[in-house]
Amino acid sequence: MAVAPIFKKAYWSLAIAGGLYFIVLSLLLNGWIQRQAFYAHNVHTAWWQDPDKPEQFGFLRNQVRPFNLNTSDGEVLYGWHILPVALYSNHEKALIEEPTGLFAPFESTLAFKLLASDPESRLVINFHGNAGTVAQGWRTDTYRALTSGAADKIHVLTIDYRGYGYSTGSPTENGLIVDGITLVQWVMEVARISPERIVILGQSLGTAVTTAIAEHFICEKKIEFKGIVLVAAFSDIPTLMLTYTIGGVIPILSPLRPYPMLQQFMAKRIQETWFTATRLANLVRRSTNLNLHLIHSMNDFEIPWSHSNTLFYAAANATSERGLSLKQIDAVKAHQDLGDSGWTNSWIAARENGGKTTIRQEIVRQGGGSPSVLSLLQ
């Protein structure tokens, strides 16, 4: 007889949980709430640290120079310029003597001059994922890893999108694309860094931004960069939301799998769609000399690595005017098994005017960086 109350409590617990879930889904039909949940720009864990003081994040004095950029639609973006350690060491005395923190105009700083005046300098433009700021969590470790590839040559520039950190405004798909274009255009026009010295790297949400930016420059200005690197990319948001879990714990639309019509109803009402696979295919189609790297971890609990497969096949297919089937791509791609590390797939296609499209997919068993990314900067 004591079993009945237990089942009763379990029933009501499930009923309450289900009710709350459908209330949350109903709220997510609102565009403003969708954007707050998806971009999570007000969520960060470094309340007690100040991005204007990069030394709090383990950097040397003035190794990181904060800066501001103005967008064409009136927003002010906050960013970081990270110097390579050996270059910093060579100019340490002069760098230390400069004021710390946000210093205007940025073009008058020694850090900017060291980037702009060296014809051998290389630049990684980094676009981070959702939530947090440029100084959030392991992002600072990423900057250190990137600048260590050539300790006197590789600089890193990164920004907080509108609505993130100290940047003004509120995030939208079009807005983030404008932010990215603003930074890349400033790099080429003000810092005068040529595209063949630039690698654009995105992580998670940043992969969608990176792809949209690269597509813009190839379509509007016929500009191609040294490399495009997408880490933990997704094909598009409606597809991602079918399996996405917040923090690997809280599901969004996967509980609706037994009800496909309801699941599709919700997916079609996602306003920030970020159709990266479509944009990537267009980028490949328009490019004549593209280096594209896709990197994904099998233990990514938010974005399944299967999205990397979708993007790899979309990109490879776009190299053929007639189109290719998955079977045809599998028959031609170069596959290398790396044992416990994971595996790689490579696709190389000759293009017009002697150009070449190189697509490399790396699936690693555990999250982490890749030496092949740094090879693009040599």
Protein backbone atom coordinates (compact mmCIF):
# COMPACT_ATOMS: atom_id res chain seq x y z
CA MET A 1 0.00 0.00 0.00
CA ALA A 2 2.95 2.33 0.58
CA VAL A 3 3.83 2.09 -3.08
CA ALA A 4 0.79 4.10 -4.23
CA PRO A 5 1.88 7.44 -2.65
CA ILE A 6 5.29 7.06 -4.30
CA PHE A 7 3.70 6.66 -7.74
CA LYS A 8 1.40 9.54 -7.00
CA LYS A 9 4.33 11.81 -6.14
CA ALA A 10 6.20 10.66 -9.25
CA TYR A 11 3.14 11.36 -11.39
CA TRP A 12 2.75 14.89 -10.06
CA SER A 13 6.48 15.56 -10.35
CA LEU A 14 6.43 14.56 -14.01
CA ALA A 15 3.25 16.54 -14.62
CA ILE A 16 4.74 19.67 -13.07
CA ALA A 17 8.01 19.22 -15.01
CA GLY A 18 6.07 18.75 -18.26
CA GLY A 19 3.92 21.78 -17.54
CA LEU A 20 6.96 23.95 -16.87
CA TYR A 21 8.62 22.67 -20.04
CA PHE A 22 5.65 23.67 -22.20
CA ILE A 23 5.46 27.06 -20.48
CA VAL A 24 9.12 27.65 -21.38
CA LEU A 25 8.48 26.52 -24.97
CA SER A 26 5.56 28.94 -25.21
CA LEU A 27 7.74 31.79 -23.97
CA LEU A 28 10.40 30.90 -26.54
CA LEU A 29 7.93 31.67 -29.33
CA ASN A 30 8.60 35.32 -28.47
CA GLY A 31 11.46 36.69 -30.57
CA TRP A 32 12.99 38.80 -27.80
CA ILE A 33 13.05 35.86 -25.38
CA GLN A 34 14.50 33.63 -28.11
CA ARG A 35 17.40 36.03 -28.60
CA GLN A 36 18.01 36.34 -24.86
CA ALA A 37 18.14 32.55 -24.51
CA PHE A 38 20.17 31.82 -27.64
CA TYR A 39 22.81 34.55 -27.44
CA ALA A 40 22.99 34.46 -23.62
CA HIS A 41 24.85 37.76 -23.83
CA ASN A 42 23.93 38.68 -20.28
CA VAL A 43 25.34 35.43 -18.90
CA HIS A 44 28.95 35.40 -17.72
CA THR A 45 30.88 34.22 -14.69
CA ALA A 46 33.60 36.86 -14.41
CA TRP A 47 31.68 39.49 -12.45
CA TRP A 48 34.68 40.08 -10.20
CA GLN A 49 37.16 40.56 -13.09
CA ASP A 50 37.50 43.51 -15.45
CA PRO A 51 38.33 42.92 -19.16
CA ASP A 52 39.88 46.38 -19.13
CA LYS A 53 42.54 44.86 -16.88
CA PRO A 54 43.83 41.84 -18.86
CA GLU A 55 46.53 41.31 -16.23
CA GLN A 56 43.77 39.83 -14.06
CA PHE A 57 43.57 37.02 -16.63
CA GLY A 58 47.26 36.13 -16.49
CA PHE A 59 48.62 38.36 -19.25
CA LEU A 60 51.69 40.56 -18.97
CA ARG A 61 51.26 44.31 -18.54
CA ASN A 62 49.98 45.69 -21.87
CA GLN A 63 50.44 42.37 -23.67
CA VAL A 64 46.72 42.76 -24.31
CA ARG A 65 45.47 46.13 -25.54
CA PRO A 66 41.70 46.74 -25.24
CA PHE A 67 40.19 48.85 -28.03
CA ASN A 68 36.86 50.13 -29.39
CA LEU A 69 35.45 50.05 -32.91
CA ASN A 70 32.43 51.91 -34.29
CA THR A 71 30.02 50.02 -36.55
CA SER A 72 28.20 51.48 -39.54
CA ASP A 73 24.89 51.30 -37.63
CA GLY A 74 26.07 53.22 -34.58
CA GLU A 75 27.19 50.55 -32.13
CA VAL A 76 30.51 50.59 -30.25
CA LEU A 77 32.35 47.27 -30.07
CA TYR A 78 34.85 46.31 -27.41
CA GLY A 79 37.81 44.14 -28.32
CA TRP A 80 41.25 42.84 -27.42
CA HIS A 81 44.52 42.81 -29.34
CA ILE A 82 46.85 40.11 -27.97
CA LEU A 83 50.56 40.38 -28.74
CA PRO A 84 52.77 37.32 -29.29
CA VAL A 85 55.07 36.76 -26.29
CA ALA A 86 58.43 37.01 -28.05
CA LEU A 87 57.43 40.24 -29.75
CA TYR A 88 56.26 41.58 -26.41
CA SER A 89 59.60 40.61 -24.86
CA ASN A 90 61.50 42.51 -27.56
CA HIS A 91 59.55 45.70 -26.77
CA GLU A 92 58.75 45.10 -23.11
CA LYS A 93 60.19 48.34 -21.72
CA ALA A 94 58.29 50.58 -24.14
CA LEU A 95 55.06 48.60 -23.71
CA ILE A 96 55.21 48.77 -19.92
CA GLU A 97 55.61 52.54 -20.01
CA GLU A 98 52.29 53.00 -21.83
CA PRO A 99 49.05 53.50 -19.84
CA THR A 100 47.07 50.30 -19.22
CA GLY A 101 43.48 49.57 -20.16
CA LEU A 102 41.40 51.12 -22.93
CA PHE A 103 43.61 53.64 -24.69
CA ALA A 104 42.30 55.92 -27.44
CA PRO A 105 43.06 56.19 -30.24
CA PHE A 106 44.04 52.55 -30.57
CA GLU A 107 46.09 53.36 -33.68
CA SER A 108 48.50 55.39 -31.53
CA THR A 109 49.45 52.44 -29.32
CA LEU A 110 52.70 50.56 -29.73
CA ALA A 111 50.80 47.27 -29.99
CA PHE A 112 48.93 48.51 -33.07
CA LYS A 113 52.13 49.83 -34.64
CA LEU A 114 53.89 46.52 -34.10
CA LEU A 115 51.06 44.75 -35.94
CA ALA A 116 50.62 47.25 -38.75
CA SER A 117 54.29 48.01 -39.46
CA ASP A 118 55.59 44.44 -39.74
CA PRO A 119 55.04 42.97 -43.22
CA GLU A 120 55.78 39.51 -41.78
CA SER A 121 53.14 39.67 -39.04
CA ARG A 122 50.24 37.21 -39.16
CA LEU A 123 46.80 37.76 -37.71
CA VAL A 124 44.11 35.49 -36.30
CA ILE A 125 40.72 37.19 -36.08
CA ASN A 126 38.83 35.22 -33.46
CA PHE A 127 35.04 35.15 -33.01
CA HIS A 128 33.88 33.51 -29.78
CA GLY A 129 30.76 31.56 -28.94
CA ASN A 130 27.63 32.68 -27.12
CA ALA A 131 27.57 33.90 -23.51
CA GLY A 132 30.37 35.63 -21.66
CA THR A 133 32.96 38.05 -22.98
CA VAL A 134 36.32 38.02 -24.75
CA ALA A 135 37.85 37.25 -21.34
CA GLN A 136 35.52 34.38 -20.43
CA GLY A 137 36.86 31.05 -19.19
CA TRP A 138 39.20 29.16 -21.50
CA ARG A 139 39.02 31.81 -24.24
CA THR A 140 42.14 33.43 -22.82
CA ASP A 141 43.94 30.07 -23.09
CA THR A 142 42.96 29.94 -26.76
CA TYR A 143 44.60 33.31 -27.39
CA ARG A 144 47.80 32.13 -25.72
CA ALA A 145 47.83 28.92 -27.76
CA LEU A 146 47.33 30.80 -31.02
CA THR A 147 50.01 33.42 -30.38
CA SER A 148 52.47 30.69 -29.37
CA GLY A 149 52.42 29.24 -32.90
CA ALA A 150 55.02 31.80 -33.99
CA ALA A 151 55.95 33.66 -30.84
CA ASP A 152 57.05 36.83 -32.63
CA LYS A 153 54.61 36.94 -35.56
CA ILE A 154 51.07 35.78 -34.71
CA HIS A 155 48.75 38.45 -33.31
CA VAL A 156 45.15 37.84 -32.22
CA LEU A 157 42.24 40.26 -32.51
CA THR A 158 38.88 39.44 -30.95
CA ILE A 159 35.74 41.39 -30.16
CA ASP A 160 32.63 41.14 -28.05
CA TYR A 161 29.59 41.26 -30.32
CA ARG A 162 26.98 43.95 -29.75
CA GLY A 163 25.27 43.43 -26.41
CA TYR A 164 28.16 41.37 -25.00
CA GLY A 165 30.46 42.69 -22.30
CA TYR A 166 31.28 46.36 -22.84
CA SER A 167 29.90 46.47 -26.40
CA THR A 168 26.71 48.49 -26.91
CA GLY A 169 23.44 47.31 -28.45
CA SER A 170 21.61 43.98 -28.53
CA PRO A 171 22.55 40.88 -30.55
CA THR A 172 20.75 39.84 -33.73
CA GLU A 173 21.90 37.71 -36.64
CA ASN A 174 22.32 40.67 -38.98
CA GLY A 175 23.88 42.74 -36.21
CA LEU A 176 26.59 40.18 -35.43
CA ILE A 177 27.44 39.92 -39.12
CA VAL A 178 27.85 43.71 -39.26
CA ASP A 179 30.12 43.51 -36.19
CA GLY A 180 32.35 40.92 -37.83
CA ILE A 181 32.52 42.78 -41.13
CA THR A 182 33.42 45.96 -39.22
CA LEU A 183 36.40 44.29 -37.56
CA VAL A 184 37.71 42.59 -40.71
CA GLN A 185 37.29 45.73 -42.79
CA TRP A 186 39.11 47.80 -40.15
CA VAL A 187 41.97 45.28 -40.17
CA MET A 188 42.40 45.56 -43.93
CA GLU A 189 41.77 49.29 -44.35
CA VAL A 190 43.24 50.83 -41.18
CA ALA A 191 45.83 48.28 -40.03
CA ARG A 192 46.49 47.48 -43.71
CA ILE A 193 46.87 43.75 -43.12
CA SER A 194 46.43 41.96 -46.45
CA PRO A 195 43.94 39.06 -46.64
CA GLU A 196 46.67 36.50 -47.33
CA ARG A 197 48.03 37.21 -43.82
CA ILE A 198 44.67 36.73 -42.10
CA VAL A 199 43.06 33.59 -40.68
CA ILE A 200 39.48 33.96 -39.46
CA LEU A 201 38.63 31.52 -36.68
CA GLY A 202 35.23 30.97 -35.10
CA GLN A 203 34.07 28.77 -32.26
CA SER A 204 30.45 27.62 -31.82
CA LEU A 205 28.30 30.71 -32.54
CA GLY A 206 31.47 32.30 -33.88
CA THR A 207 31.58 29.72 -36.69
CA ALA A 208 28.28 31.06 -38.03
CA VAL A 209 29.62 34.62 -37.81
CA THR A 210 32.90 33.61 -39.49
CA THR A 211 31.15 31.85 -42.37
CA ALA A 212 28.80 34.80 -42.96
CA ILE A 213 31.73 37.24 -42.98
CA ALA A 214 33.80 35.14 -45.39
CA GLU A 215 30.78 34.78 -47.67
CA HIS A 216 30.25 38.56 -47.60
CA PHE A 217 33.80 39.37 -48.62
CA ILE A 218 33.97 36.81 -51.42
CA CYS A 219 30.58 37.82 -52.83
CA GLU A 220 30.84 41.58 -52.40
CA LYS A 221 34.57 42.23 -52.85
CA LYS A 222 36.12 39.04 -54.25
CA ILE A 223 38.40 38.88 -51.19
CA GLU A 224 39.71 35.54 -49.94
CA PHE A 225 41.63 35.00 -46.72
CA LYS A 226 44.57 32.81 -45.83
CA GLY A 227 42.30 30.41 -43.99
CA ILE A 228 38.86 29.88 -42.47
CA VAL A 229 38.70 27.74 -39.33
CA LEU A 230 35.40 26.55 -37.83
CA VAL A 231 35.59 24.91 -34.40
CA ALA A 232 32.43 23.16 -33.14
CA ALA A 233 30.31 24.45 -36.01
CA PHE A 234 26.63 23.75 -36.63
CA SER A 235 24.71 23.47 -39.90
CA ASP A 236 21.85 25.78 -38.87
CA ILE A 237 19.97 26.69 -35.71
CA PRO A 238 16.59 24.99 -36.44
CA THR A 239 18.40 21.67 -36.99
CA LEU A 240 20.67 22.18 -33.99
CA MET A 241 17.75 22.90 -31.67
CA LEU A 242 16.27 19.47 -32.40
CA THR A 243 19.07 17.90 -30.33
CA TYR A 244 20.58 20.85 -28.42
CA THR A 245 20.83 20.80 -24.63
CA ILE A 246 21.82 23.77 -22.51
CA GLY A 247 25.03 22.86 -20.75
CA GLY A 248 24.50 19.30 -21.91
CA VAL A 249 21.66 18.95 -19.39
CA ILE A 250 18.53 20.94 -20.30
CA PRO A 251 16.97 19.88 -23.64
CA ILE A 252 15.22 22.33 -25.95
CA LEU A 253 13.21 20.45 -28.59
CA SER A 254 14.42 16.85 -28.22
CA PRO A 255 11.61 15.94 -25.73
CA LEU A 256 9.20 16.61 -28.62
CA ARG A 257 10.74 13.86 -30.78
CA PRO A 258 7.70 11.57 -30.31
CA TYR A 259 5.62 14.45 -31.73
CA PRO A 260 7.41 15.39 -35.00
CA MET A 261 4.74 17.81 -36.18
CA LEU A 262 4.96 19.80 -32.94
CA GLN A 263 8.75 19.64 -33.04
CA GLN A 264 8.81 21.00 -36.60
CA PHE A 265 6.22 23.65 -35.65
CA MET A 266 8.59 24.98 -32.99
CA ALA A 267 11.68 24.69 -35.21
CA LYS A 268 10.05 26.77 -37.96
CA ARG A 269 9.43 29.58 -35.49
CA ILE A 270 13.09 30.07 -34.67
CA GLN A 271 13.91 33.60 -35.83
CA GLU A 272 17.71 33.57 -35.62
CA THR A 273 18.31 30.79 -38.15
CA TRP A 274 22.03 31.10 -39.02
CA PHE A 275 21.98 28.81 -42.09
CA THR A 276 25.71 28.13 -42.03
CA ALA A 277 25.68 25.12 -44.37
CA THR A 278 24.02 27.17 -47.11
CA ARG A 279 26.42 30.08 -46.61
CA LEU A 280 29.42 27.76 -46.54
CA ALA A 281 28.41 26.11 -49.82
CA ASN A 282 28.05 29.54 -51.42
CA LEU A 283 31.46 30.57 -50.06
CA VAL A 284 33.08 27.47 -51.56
CA ARG A 285 31.26 27.93 -54.85
CA ARG A 286 32.44 31.55 -55.21
CA SER A 287 36.02 30.99 -54.02
CA THR A 288 38.99 30.15 -56.22
CA ASN A 289 41.61 29.54 -53.51
CA LEU A 290 40.07 28.48 -50.21
CA ASN A 291 41.62 26.84 -47.15
CA LEU A 292 38.79 25.60 -44.92
CA HIS A 293 39.33 23.70 -41.66
CA LEU A 294 36.51 22.07 -39.69
CA ILE A 295 37.37 20.90 -36.18
CA HIS A 296 34.99 19.15 -33.81
CA SER A 297 35.23 17.08 -30.67
CA MET A 298 33.34 13.85 -30.22
CA ASN A 299 32.73 14.75 -26.57
CA ASP A 300 31.01 18.04 -27.42
CA PHE A 301 27.85 17.71 -25.34
CA GLU A 302 26.09 20.74 -26.87
CA ILE A 303 26.78 20.62 -30.61
CA PRO A 304 27.00 17.05 -31.97
CA TRP A 305 30.01 16.42 -34.21
CA SER A 306 27.64 15.15 -36.88
CA HIS A 307 27.12 18.83 -37.79
CA SER A 308 30.75 18.89 -38.91
CA ASN A 309 29.96 16.04 -41.31
CA THR A 310 27.03 18.01 -42.74
CA LEU A 311 29.28 21.01 -43.35
CA PHE A 312 32.10 18.91 -44.83
CA TYR A 313 29.77 17.28 -47.35
CA ALA A 314 28.08 20.61 -48.17
CA ALA A 315 31.47 22.22 -48.81
CA ALA A 316 32.83 19.29 -50.86
CA ASN A 317 29.64 19.13 -52.91
CA ALA A 318 29.92 22.85 -53.72
CA THR A 319 33.27 22.26 -55.50
CA SER A 320 31.40 20.46 -58.29
CA GLU A 321 29.09 22.25 -60.71
CA ARG A 322 27.02 19.09 -61.17
CA GLY A 323 26.90 18.21 -57.49
CA LEU A 324 28.13 15.08 -55.76
CA SER A 325 26.40 12.38 -53.76
CA LEU A 326 27.61 11.37 -50.31
CA LYS A 327 28.79 8.09 -51.81
CA GLN A 328 30.84 9.90 -54.44
CA ILE A 329 32.45 12.17 -51.85
CA ASP A 330 33.25 9.22 -49.57
CA ALA A 331 34.89 7.41 -52.47
CA VAL A 332 37.24 10.31 -53.28
CA LYS A 333 37.98 12.00 -49.93
CA ALA A 334 41.26 11.20 -48.18
CA HIS A 335 40.59 9.62 -44.80
CA GLN A 336 43.24 9.16 -42.13
CA ASP A 337 42.65 7.27 -38.90
CA LEU A 338 44.56 8.81 -35.99
CA GLY A 339 43.76 6.05 -33.53
CA ASP A 340 42.80 7.29 -30.08
CA SER A 341 43.18 10.90 -31.25
CA GLY A 342 40.37 10.70 -33.81
CA TRP A 343 40.49 11.00 -37.59
CA THR A 344 40.69 13.45 -40.48
CA ASN A 345 38.96 13.78 -43.83
CA SER A 346 40.45 15.87 -46.62
CA TRP A 347 39.04 17.12 -49.89
CA ILE A 348 41.10 18.96 -52.51
CA ALA A 349 39.61 20.36 -55.71
CA ALA A 350 41.27 22.30 -58.53
CA ARG A 351 39.56 25.63 -59.29
CA GLU A 352 39.71 28.35 -61.91
CA ASN A 353 42.92 30.27 -62.67
CA GLY A 354 45.06 27.58 -61.07
CA GLY A 355 43.38 27.96 -57.68
CA LYS A 356 42.65 25.19 -55.23
CA THR A 357 40.01 24.48 -52.61
CA THR A 358 41.27 22.54 -49.61
CA ILE A 359 38.76 21.27 -47.06
CA ARG A 360 40.08 19.51 -43.98
CA GLN A 361 37.85 18.00 -41.31
CA GLU A 362 39.34 16.95 -37.99
CA ILE A 363 37.30 14.94 -35.53
CA VAL A 364 39.07 14.62 -32.19
CA ARG A 365 37.97 12.35 -29.39
CA GLN A 366 38.61 15.00 -26.75
CA GLY A 367 38.24 18.77 -27.05
CA GLY A 368 41.34 20.77 -27.83
CA GLY A 369 43.29 22.73 -30.40
CA SER A 370 44.92 21.60 -33.60
CA PRO A 371 48.46 22.18 -34.91
CA SER A 372 47.06 22.31 -38.44
CA VAL A 373 45.38 25.63 -37.66
CA LEU A 374 48.74 27.20 -36.86
CA SER A 375 50.18 25.74 -40.07
CA LEU A 376 47.93 28.12 -42.02
CA LEU A 377 49.87 31.04 -40.54
CA GLN A 378 53.33 29.92 -41.57
